[in-house]
Amino acid sequence: MSGYFAGYLTEYFGKNISVREVSCKATGKNVCEHIISLAPTSPDQQNQLRGEIK
C-alpha cells in the first residue's frame, strides 16, 4: 500500500512524496499506519528518516 500511496500522492501534488508503513494489521497490529512526507533529497535526510541520525 505504501508504494500505491506514494505514487498517487506524487502525481496528485506534483512533488516527490515518501510513504513509510509503521504499523500493519497483517502483522497483528490493530490498524495499518503510514507516515507521509516529502521524499528526502539528500543522504542525510534518508538516514534521519531511518532513525540512524538525529
N, C-alpha and C. Protein backbone atom coordinates (compact mmCIF):
# COMPACT_ATOMS: atom_id res chain seq x y z
N MET A 1 0.81 -1.20 0.00
CA MET A 1 0.00 0.00 0.00
C MET A 1 0.86 1.26 0.00
N SER A 2 2.00 1.23 0.67
CA SER A 2 2.84 2.42 0.74
C SER A 2 3.25 2.90 -0.64
N GLY A 3 3.62 1.97 -1.52
CA GLY A 3 4.02 2.34 -2.87
C GLY A 3 2.87 2.96 -3.65
N TYR A 4 1.69 2.40 -3.49
CA TYR A 4 0.50 2.94 -4.16
C TYR A 4 0.23 4.36 -3.67
N PHE A 5 0.24 4.54 -2.35
CA PHE A 5 0.02 5.87 -1.78
C PHE A 5 1.06 6.86 -2.28
N ALA A 6 2.32 6.47 -2.27
CA ALA A 6 3.40 7.36 -2.70
C ALA A 6 3.22 7.77 -4.16
N GLY A 7 2.92 6.81 -5.02
CA GLY A 7 2.73 7.12 -6.44
C GLY A 7 1.55 8.03 -6.68
N TYR A 8 0.44 7.73 -6.03
CA TYR A 8 -0.77 8.53 -6.20
C TYR A 8 -0.54 9.96 -5.71
N LEU A 9 0.03 10.10 -4.52
CA LEU A 9 0.23 11.43 -3.95
C LEU A 9 1.28 12.23 -4.71
N THR A 10 2.30 11.54 -5.22
CA THR A 10 3.32 12.22 -6.03
C THR A 10 2.68 12.81 -7.28
N GLU A 11 1.83 12.04 -7.94
CA GLU A 11 1.13 12.54 -9.13
C GLU A 11 0.17 13.66 -8.77
N TYR A 12 -0.55 13.49 -7.69
CA TYR A 12 -1.56 14.47 -7.30
C TYR A 12 -0.95 15.83 -6.95
N PHE A 13 0.12 15.81 -6.12
CA PHE A 13 0.74 17.06 -5.67
C PHE A 13 1.85 17.56 -6.59
N GLY A 14 2.35 16.71 -7.48
CA GLY A 14 3.43 17.11 -8.36
C GLY A 14 4.76 17.25 -7.64
N LYS A 15 4.88 16.60 -6.50
CA LYS A 15 6.12 16.60 -5.70
C LYS A 15 6.43 15.16 -5.33
N ASN A 16 7.71 14.87 -5.12
CA ASN A 16 8.12 13.52 -4.77
C ASN A 16 7.73 13.22 -3.32
N ILE A 17 6.79 12.32 -3.12
CA ILE A 17 6.25 12.01 -1.80
C ILE A 17 6.77 10.65 -1.33
N SER A 18 7.11 10.57 -0.06
CA SER A 18 7.57 9.33 0.55
C SER A 18 6.51 8.83 1.53
N VAL A 19 6.23 7.55 1.48
CA VAL A 19 5.26 6.95 2.40
C VAL A 19 5.93 5.75 3.07
N ARG A 20 5.90 5.73 4.39
CA ARG A 20 6.51 4.63 5.14
C ARG A 20 5.47 4.00 6.05
N GLU A 21 5.31 2.70 5.96
CA GLU A 21 4.36 1.99 6.80
C GLU A 21 5.02 1.69 8.15
N VAL A 22 4.38 2.10 9.24
CA VAL A 22 4.95 1.90 10.57
C VAL A 22 4.17 0.89 11.39
N SER A 23 2.99 0.52 10.92
CA SER A 23 2.17 -0.45 11.62
C SER A 23 1.30 -1.16 10.58
N CYS A 24 1.15 -2.48 10.74
CA CYS A 24 0.39 -3.23 9.73
C CYS A 24 -0.55 -4.22 10.40
N LYS A 25 -1.80 -4.17 10.00
CA LYS A 25 -2.82 -5.08 10.55
C LYS A 25 -2.48 -6.54 10.24
N ALA A 26 -1.84 -6.78 9.10
CA ALA A 26 -1.49 -8.15 8.71
C ALA A 26 -0.45 -8.77 9.65
N THR A 27 0.25 -7.93 10.43
CA THR A 27 1.25 -8.46 11.36
C THR A 27 0.73 -8.48 12.79
N GLY A 28 -0.59 -8.31 12.95
CA GLY A 28 -1.18 -8.41 14.26
C GLY A 28 -1.48 -7.08 14.94
N LYS A 29 -1.14 -5.99 14.33
CA LYS A 29 -1.46 -4.67 14.91
C LYS A 29 -2.95 -4.40 14.74
N ASN A 30 -3.46 -3.44 15.48
CA ASN A 30 -4.88 -3.12 15.39
C ASN A 30 -5.24 -2.42 14.08
N VAL A 31 -4.32 -1.60 13.57
CA VAL A 31 -4.57 -0.83 12.35
C VAL A 31 -3.28 -0.73 11.54
N CYS A 32 -3.42 -0.36 10.28
CA CYS A 32 -2.27 -0.02 9.44
C CYS A 32 -2.05 1.48 9.56
N GLU A 33 -0.81 1.88 9.77
CA GLU A 33 -0.48 3.30 9.87
C GLU A 33 0.68 3.62 8.93
N HIS A 34 0.62 4.79 8.33
CA HIS A 34 1.66 5.24 7.40
C HIS A 34 2.12 6.64 7.79
N ILE A 35 3.40 6.92 7.54
CA ILE A 35 3.94 8.26 7.68
C ILE A 35 4.14 8.79 6.27
N ILE A 36 3.55 9.94 5.99
CA ILE A 36 3.61 10.53 4.66
C ILE A 36 4.35 11.86 4.77
N SER A 37 5.38 12.03 3.91
CA SER A 37 6.16 13.26 3.92
C SER A 37 6.77 13.48 2.55
N LEU A 38 7.36 14.66 2.37
CA LEU A 38 8.12 14.89 1.15
C LEU A 38 9.31 13.94 1.17
N ALA A 39 9.64 13.40 0.01
CA ALA A 39 10.75 12.45 -0.09
C ALA A 39 12.06 13.16 0.24
N PRO A 40 12.98 12.46 0.89
CA PRO A 40 14.27 13.07 1.21
C PRO A 40 15.03 13.43 -0.07
N THR A 41 15.78 14.53 0.01
CA THR A 41 16.54 14.97 -1.15
C THR A 41 18.04 14.78 -0.96
N SER A 42 18.45 14.34 0.22
CA SER A 42 19.88 14.12 0.47
C SER A 42 20.06 12.86 1.30
N PRO A 43 21.25 12.26 1.26
CA PRO A 43 21.51 11.06 2.06
C PRO A 43 21.31 11.29 3.56
N ASP A 44 21.64 12.49 4.06
CA ASP A 44 21.44 12.78 5.48
C ASP A 44 19.97 12.71 5.86
N GLN A 45 19.10 13.20 5.00
CA GLN A 45 17.67 13.15 5.29
C GLN A 45 17.18 11.71 5.26
N GLN A 46 17.69 10.89 4.35
CA GLN A 46 17.30 9.48 4.29
C GLN A 46 17.70 8.77 5.58
N ASN A 47 18.91 9.01 6.06
CA ASN A 47 19.38 8.39 7.30
C ASN A 47 18.58 8.87 8.49
N GLN A 48 18.19 10.14 8.48
CA GLN A 48 17.40 10.67 9.59
C GLN A 48 16.02 10.00 9.63
N LEU A 49 15.41 9.78 8.47
CA LEU A 49 14.11 9.11 8.43
C LEU A 49 14.21 7.69 8.96
N ARG A 50 15.33 7.03 8.73
CA ARG A 50 15.53 5.67 9.22
C ARG A 50 15.85 5.64 10.71
N GLY A 51 16.07 6.81 11.32
CA GLY A 51 16.39 6.86 12.74
C GLY A 51 17.85 6.64 13.03
N GLU A 52 18.71 6.73 11.99
CA GLU A 52 20.13 6.49 12.18
C GLU A 52 20.86 7.70 12.74
N ILE A 53 20.37 8.92 12.44
CA ILE A 53 20.94 10.13 12.99
C ILE A 53 19.81 11.02 13.48
N LYS A 54 20.14 11.91 14.40
CA LYS A 54 19.11 12.80 14.94
C LYS A 54 19.43 14.24 14.68
